[in-house]
Protein backbone atom coordinates (compact mmCIF):
# COMPACT_ATOMS: atom_id res chain seq x y z
CA MET A 1 0.00 0.00 0.00
CA ASN A 2 2.82 2.38 0.88
CA TYR A 3 4.36 1.67 -2.50
CA LEU A 4 1.13 2.72 -4.20
CA LEU A 5 0.93 5.96 -2.19
CA GLY A 6 4.48 6.77 -3.14
CA ALA A 7 3.63 6.49 -6.82
CA PHE A 8 1.35 9.55 -6.56
CA LYS A 9 3.76 11.81 -4.69
CA PRO A 10 5.20 14.69 -6.75
CA ALA A 11 8.56 13.81 -8.20
CA CYS A 12 10.10 17.24 -7.83
CA ASN A 13 9.87 20.72 -6.39
CA VAL A 14 9.10 23.54 -8.86
CA SER A 15 9.71 27.17 -7.85
CA ILE A 16 9.12 30.38 -9.81
CA ALA A 17 11.09 33.52 -8.91
CA PHE A 18 10.83 36.99 -10.48
CA ALA A 19 14.16 38.66 -11.32
CA ASP A 20 13.21 41.83 -9.43
CA GLY A 21 11.14 40.00 -6.79
CA LYS A 22 12.97 41.58 -3.83
CA SER A 23 12.66 45.17 -5.03
CA ARG A 24 9.24 45.05 -6.73
CA LYS A 25 6.20 46.24 -4.79
CA GLN A 26 4.08 43.44 -3.28
CA VAL A 27 0.31 43.73 -2.88
CA PRO A 28 -2.30 41.49 -1.20
CA LEU A 29 -4.29 39.05 -3.35
CA LYS A 30 -7.21 36.99 -2.08
CA LYS A 31 -7.07 33.36 -3.24
CA GLU A 32 -10.03 31.04 -3.93
CA ASN A 33 -9.59 29.41 -0.51
CA GLY A 34 -10.08 32.79 1.20
CA GLN A 35 -6.41 33.18 2.16
CA THR A 36 -4.61 36.42 1.34
CA VAL A 37 -1.09 36.23 -0.07
CA MET A 38 1.40 38.93 -1.05
CA VAL A 39 2.27 38.87 -4.77
CA PRO A 40 4.29 41.14 -7.12
CA LEU A 41 2.60 44.13 -8.79
CA PHE A 42 3.01 44.83 -12.52
CA GLN A 43 1.44 47.14 -15.07
CA SER A 44 0.84 46.75 -18.80
CA GLN A 45 3.87 46.86 -21.15
CA GLU A 46 6.32 45.78 -18.45
CA ASN A 47 8.86 42.99 -18.90
CA ILE A 48 8.19 39.89 -16.81
CA VAL A 49 11.50 38.16 -16.21
CA GLY A 50 12.62 35.44 -13.84
CA LYS A 51 13.88 31.93 -13.24
CA ILE A 52 12.18 28.59 -12.81
CA SER A 53 13.90 25.90 -10.76
CA VAL A 54 13.05 22.22 -11.06
CA GLU A 55 14.57 20.08 -8.31
CA PRO A 56 13.91 16.31 -8.33
CA PHE A 57 13.46 14.75 -4.91
CA GLN A 58 16.44 12.68 -3.75
CA GLY A 59 16.95 9.52 -5.72
CA LYS A 60 14.33 10.41 -8.33
CA LYS A 61 14.74 11.37 -11.94
CA ILE A 62 12.08 13.08 -14.05
CA GLU A 63 11.43 11.82 -17.53
CA HIS A 64 9.51 14.48 -19.41
CA ASN A 65 8.22 15.46 -22.84
CA GLY A 66 9.24 19.12 -22.47
CA VAL A 67 9.07 22.04 -20.03
CA LYS A 68 7.22 25.28 -20.78
CA VAL A 69 6.09 28.44 -19.02
CA GLU A 70 2.91 30.30 -19.97
CA LEU A 71 1.78 33.80 -19.04
CA LEU A 72 -2.00 33.78 -18.87
CA GLY A 73 -4.60 36.50 -18.38
CA GLN A 74 -7.85 34.78 -17.48
CA ILE A 75 -11.47 35.57 -16.64
CA GLU A 76 -13.47 33.11 -14.55
CA MET A 77 -17.23 33.41 -14.01
CA TYR A 78 -18.31 31.92 -10.69
CA PHE A 79 -21.48 30.44 -12.23
CA ASP A 80 -19.15 28.63 -14.66
CA ARG A 81 -16.42 27.87 -12.12
CA GLY A 82 -13.35 26.09 -13.43
CA ASN A 83 -13.78 27.39 -16.98
CA PHE A 84 -11.24 30.10 -17.70
CA TYR A 85 -11.44 32.46 -20.68
CA ASP A 86 -7.90 33.36 -21.73
CA PHE A 87 -7.59 36.89 -23.13
CA THR A 88 -3.78 36.85 -22.92
CA SER A 89 -1.78 33.69 -23.61
CA LEU A 90 1.98 33.70 -24.18
CA VAL A 91 4.26 30.66 -24.03
CA ARG A 92 8.01 30.03 -23.78
CA GLU A 93 9.38 26.53 -24.38
CA LEU A 94 12.12 25.96 -21.77
CA ASP A 95 13.35 22.43 -22.43
CA VAL A 96 13.14 19.68 -25.06
CA PRO A 97 12.05 16.16 -24.01
CA GLY A 98 14.60 14.42 -21.81
CA GLU A 99 15.46 13.58 -18.21
CA ILE A 100 16.22 15.74 -15.18
CA TYR A 101 18.50 14.18 -12.52
CA GLU A 102 19.38 17.23 -10.43
CA ARG A 103 18.30 20.81 -9.82
CA LYS A 104 17.90 22.64 -13.12
CA THR A 105 17.21 26.36 -13.55
CA TYR A 106 15.54 27.89 -16.59
CA PRO A 107 15.58 31.67 -17.20
CA PHE A 108 12.47 33.13 -18.88
CA GLU A 109 11.42 36.51 -20.22
CA PHE A 110 8.17 37.96 -21.55
CA SER A 111 8.92 41.40 -23.03
CA THR A 112 6.60 44.45 -22.95
CA VAL A 113 3.57 42.32 -22.15
CA GLU A 114 0.19 43.72 -23.18
CA MET A 115 -1.95 43.39 -20.02
CA PRO A 116 -4.90 45.63 -20.83
CA TYR A 117 -7.17 44.78 -17.89
CA GLU A 118 -6.66 45.08 -14.14
CA THR A 119 -6.72 42.18 -11.72
CA TYR A 120 -10.25 42.03 -10.28
CA ASN A 121 -11.92 39.88 -7.61
CA GLY A 122 -15.66 40.42 -7.63
CA VAL A 123 -18.88 38.82 -6.42
CA ASN A 124 -19.49 36.71 -9.54
CA VAL A 125 -16.29 37.06 -11.53
CA ARG A 126 -12.54 37.28 -11.17
CA LEU A 127 -9.82 38.39 -13.56
CA ARG A 128 -6.37 37.06 -12.81
CA TYR A 129 -2.86 36.91 -14.23
CA VAL A 130 -0.72 33.85 -13.62
CA LEU A 131 2.54 32.20 -14.66
CA LYS A 132 1.95 28.50 -15.31
CA VAL A 133 4.86 26.05 -15.52
CA THR A 134 4.13 22.63 -17.07
CA ILE A 135 6.49 19.67 -17.06
CA SER A 136 4.78 17.39 -19.60
CA ARG A 137 4.81 13.69 -18.82
CA GLY A 138 3.01 10.86 -20.57
CA TYR A 139 2.46 8.71 -17.50
CA GLY A 140 1.78 9.79 -13.92
CA GLY A 141 0.33 13.09 -15.15
CA SER A 142 2.04 16.37 -15.97
CA ILE A 143 3.53 18.49 -13.16
CA VAL A 144 2.00 21.99 -13.06
CA GLU A 145 2.95 24.94 -10.85
CA TYR A 146 1.29 28.39 -10.72
CA GLN A 147 2.50 31.82 -9.61
CA ASP A 148 -0.04 34.65 -9.34
CA PHE A 149 0.77 38.30 -9.86
CA VAL A 150 -1.37 41.44 -9.84
CA VAL A 151 -1.77 44.00 -12.64
CA ARG A 152 -2.85 47.59 -12.06
CA ASN A 153 -3.05 50.17 -14.82
CA TYR A 154 -2.91 53.91 -14.27
CA ALA A 155 -4.70 56.75 -15.98
CA SER A 156 -3.92 60.45 -16.33
CA PRO A 157 -6.44 62.92 -14.92
CA PRO A 158 -9.16 63.43 -17.56
CA SER A 159 -8.83 66.59 -19.66
CA ILE A 160 -12.62 67.14 -19.46
CA ASN A 161 -14.30 66.49 -16.13
CA ASN A 162 -17.73 68.09 -16.04
CA SER A 163 -19.65 68.69 -12.84
CA ILE A 164 -22.92 66.83 -12.26
CA LYS A 165 -26.08 68.90 -11.79
CA MET A 166 -29.42 67.20 -11.27
CA GLU A 167 -32.90 67.99 -10.06
CA VAL A 168 -35.19 65.67 -8.18
CA GLY A 169 -38.77 66.48 -7.38
CA ILE A 170 -42.26 65.36 -6.59
CA GLU A 171 -44.79 67.74 -8.08
CA ASP A 172 -45.90 70.44 -5.62
CA CYS A 173 -44.28 68.54 -2.72
CA LEU A 174 -40.52 68.53 -3.06
CA HIS A 175 -37.97 70.10 -5.35
CA ILE A 176 -34.25 69.81 -4.71
CA GLU A 177 -31.15 70.34 -6.82
CA PHE A 178 -27.87 68.64 -6.19
CA GLU A 179 -24.47 69.33 -7.63
CA TYR A 180 -21.21 67.33 -7.48
CA ASN A 181 -17.96 69.04 -8.41
CA LYS A 182 -17.02 66.49 -11.10
CA SER A 183 -18.12 63.24 -12.72
CA LYS A 184 -14.76 61.38 -12.73
CA TYR A 185 -12.86 60.64 -9.53
CA HIS A 186 -9.63 58.84 -8.73
CA LEU A 187 -9.52 56.19 -5.98
CA LYS A 188 -8.18 58.59 -3.33
CA ASP A 189 -10.35 61.53 -4.36
CA VAL A 190 -12.92 63.58 -2.43
CA ILE A 191 -16.50 64.06 -3.62
CA ILE A 192 -17.48 67.67 -2.98
CA GLY A 193 -20.96 68.90 -3.64
CA LYS A 194 -24.05 70.76 -2.46
CA ILE A 195 -27.75 70.07 -2.14
CA TYR A 196 -30.27 72.90 -2.45
CA PHE A 197 -33.86 72.66 -1.18
CA LEU A 198 -36.08 74.77 -3.45
CA LEU A 199 -39.46 73.46 -2.28
CA VAL A 200 -40.19 71.36 0.82
CA ARG A 201 -43.80 70.41 1.55
CA ILE A 202 -43.18 66.94 2.90
CA LYS A 203 -41.41 66.25 6.18
CA ILE A 204 -37.99 64.80 5.43
CA LYS A 205 -36.64 62.72 8.30
CA ASN A 206 -33.13 62.05 7.03
CA MET A 207 -31.01 62.00 3.91
CA ASP A 208 -28.07 59.72 3.02
CA LEU A 209 -25.57 59.54 0.21
CA GLU A 210 -24.49 56.02 -0.80
CA ILE A 211 -21.69 54.74 -3.01
CA ARG A 212 -22.90 51.69 -4.90
CA ARG A 213 -20.99 49.22 -7.03
CA ARG A 214 -22.87 47.36 -9.75
CA GLU A 215 -21.17 44.31 -11.21
CA SER A 216 -22.80 42.76 -14.28
CA THR A 217 -21.55 39.48 -15.73
CA GLY A 218 -22.57 37.40 -18.72
CA ALA A 219 -24.77 38.57 -21.57
CA GLY A 220 -28.39 38.49 -22.70
CA ALA A 221 -30.63 36.16 -20.67
CA ASN A 222 -27.59 34.98 -18.70
CA THR A 223 -26.74 38.41 -17.29
CA HIS A 224 -26.15 38.44 -13.53
CA VAL A 225 -26.21 41.81 -11.77
CA GLU A 226 -24.95 42.31 -8.22
CA THR A 227 -25.30 45.67 -6.48
CA GLU A 228 -23.34 46.37 -3.29
CA THR A 229 -23.62 49.43 -1.07
CA LEU A 230 -19.99 50.20 -0.18
CA ALA A 231 -20.52 53.38 1.82
CA LYS A 232 -23.39 55.20 3.49
CA PHE A 233 -22.89 58.79 4.48
CA GLU A 234 -25.51 60.70 6.49
CA LEU A 235 -26.00 64.15 4.99
CA MET A 236 -28.81 65.38 7.18
CA ASP A 237 -30.86 64.33 10.19
CA GLY A 238 -34.01 66.40 10.60
CA ALA A 239 -36.33 68.45 8.45
CA PRO A 240 -34.83 70.91 5.94
CA VAL A 241 -36.50 74.20 5.09
CA ARG A 242 -36.89 75.94 1.78
CA GLY A 243 -33.76 77.80 0.69
CA GLU A 244 -31.46 75.62 2.80
CA SER A 245 -28.31 74.13 1.27
CA ILE A 246 -26.27 71.23 2.61
CA PRO A 247 -22.59 70.72 1.76
CA ILE A 248 -21.24 67.28 0.78
CA ARG A 249 -17.67 66.16 1.44
CA LEU A 250 -17.08 62.45 1.03
CA PHE A 251 -13.56 60.95 1.05
CA LEU A 252 -13.17 57.86 -1.17
CA SER A 253 -9.88 56.53 0.23
CA PRO A 254 -11.39 54.57 3.19
CA TYR A 255 -13.44 52.38 0.84
CA GLU A 256 -12.30 49.38 -1.17
CA LEU A 257 -13.04 50.72 -4.62
CA THR A 258 -11.69 49.60 -7.99
CA PRO A 259 -11.58 51.57 -11.22
CA THR A 260 -14.70 51.50 -13.39
CA HIS A 261 -14.50 48.51 -15.77
CA ARG A 262 -16.55 48.79 -18.96
CA ASN A 263 -17.35 45.64 -20.91
CA ILE A 264 -14.13 43.78 -20.14
CA ASN A 265 -13.55 41.28 -22.96
CA ASN A 266 -17.36 41.15 -23.43
CA LYS A 267 -17.56 39.27 -20.10
CA PHE A 268 -18.25 41.77 -17.31
CA SER A 269 -18.61 45.42 -16.29
CA VAL A 270 -18.16 47.22 -12.97
CA LYS A 271 -19.82 50.61 -12.52
CA TYR A 272 -20.13 53.00 -9.61
CA TYR A 273 -23.07 55.20 -8.63
CA LEU A 274 -23.82 57.95 -6.17
CA ASN A 275 -27.26 57.25 -4.74
CA LEU A 276 -29.11 59.99 -2.88
CA VAL A 277 -31.74 58.58 -0.50
CA LEU A 278 -34.40 60.71 1.22
CA VAL A 279 -36.71 59.26 3.87
CA ASP A 280 -39.87 61.06 4.98
CA GLU A 281 -41.65 60.78 8.31
CA GLU A 282 -43.90 58.03 6.93
CA ASP A 283 -40.77 56.06 5.98
CA ARG A 284 -41.30 56.53 2.26
CA ARG A 285 -37.99 56.49 0.43
CA TYR A 286 -37.03 58.65 -2.54
CA PHE A 287 -33.94 57.84 -4.64
CA LYS A 288 -31.84 59.62 -7.22
CA GLN A 289 -28.91 57.75 -8.72
CA GLN A 290 -26.04 59.08 -10.79
CA GLU A 291 -23.17 57.15 -12.34
CA ILE A 292 -19.62 58.34 -11.68
CA THR A 293 -16.39 57.12 -13.29
CA ILE A 294 -13.54 55.96 -11.06
CA TYR A 295 -9.95 55.67 -12.31
CA ARG A 296 -6.56 54.81 -10.83
CA LEU A 297 -4.17 57.73 -10.66
CA GLN A 298 -0.43 56.98 -10.70
CA GLU A 299 0.70 56.84 -7.07
CA THR A 300 3.61 59.03 -6.11
CA SER A 301 6.08 57.15 -3.97
């Protein structure tokens, strides 16, 4: 029995190391099992360079049909778990068929890699980048090792960033105007705005501003939409009077936001909304929602 168990043990140890692994910034990444690990951070058009070591366990040799490393950008839908859609797929052949008796190291390089989308872990979808090493074997199954890394892409401040002005009203009962200073915000930005009460004939109990994230996955009849309220900010507690104005100042940095993602590879979108909620004394709720665009500004070290 022990002999049988031994037949299924891995024959070697495979490790993947990035050339600039010690100096490159590390960021947290949540794995499928819920654990968080620190992995290297890259952005599009960077070179991904490193070494792969294959070390047979003592007394074992590895017969193989070739060794290769792949750089994969993948999208996985959670309702179709296990099926990955590759939008980036690059391969480097490292070794021809043969035998490995002792530790062997293979350098690899992927130059100016096009990585157009950011790493994303959502409610129903994830987008990941991974290095995949495969030692092909006919019998006993191939040996596969993965190394995750994170991609973030940065945008310049938009040249046009219009303010948002909207009116919300119930005929002869309520008329308010609200204004936000711009429509596009970076992840560490501040939302500044004002709310004007032009007509108040119903008794408003309180008013909140919410940041909502809407993730839509799939297409057509198979579209799944998940809306999360990420932040709730009380603007007012008590009844406003006509002519009153209320300032808004909402800092985005405390919240776990991502950039807006629009139709990523025809698989998913992530959009953000400011949702104004008014509640009257009879607990009736009035909403006004406005989409905002969020982008990642280059961080200054």
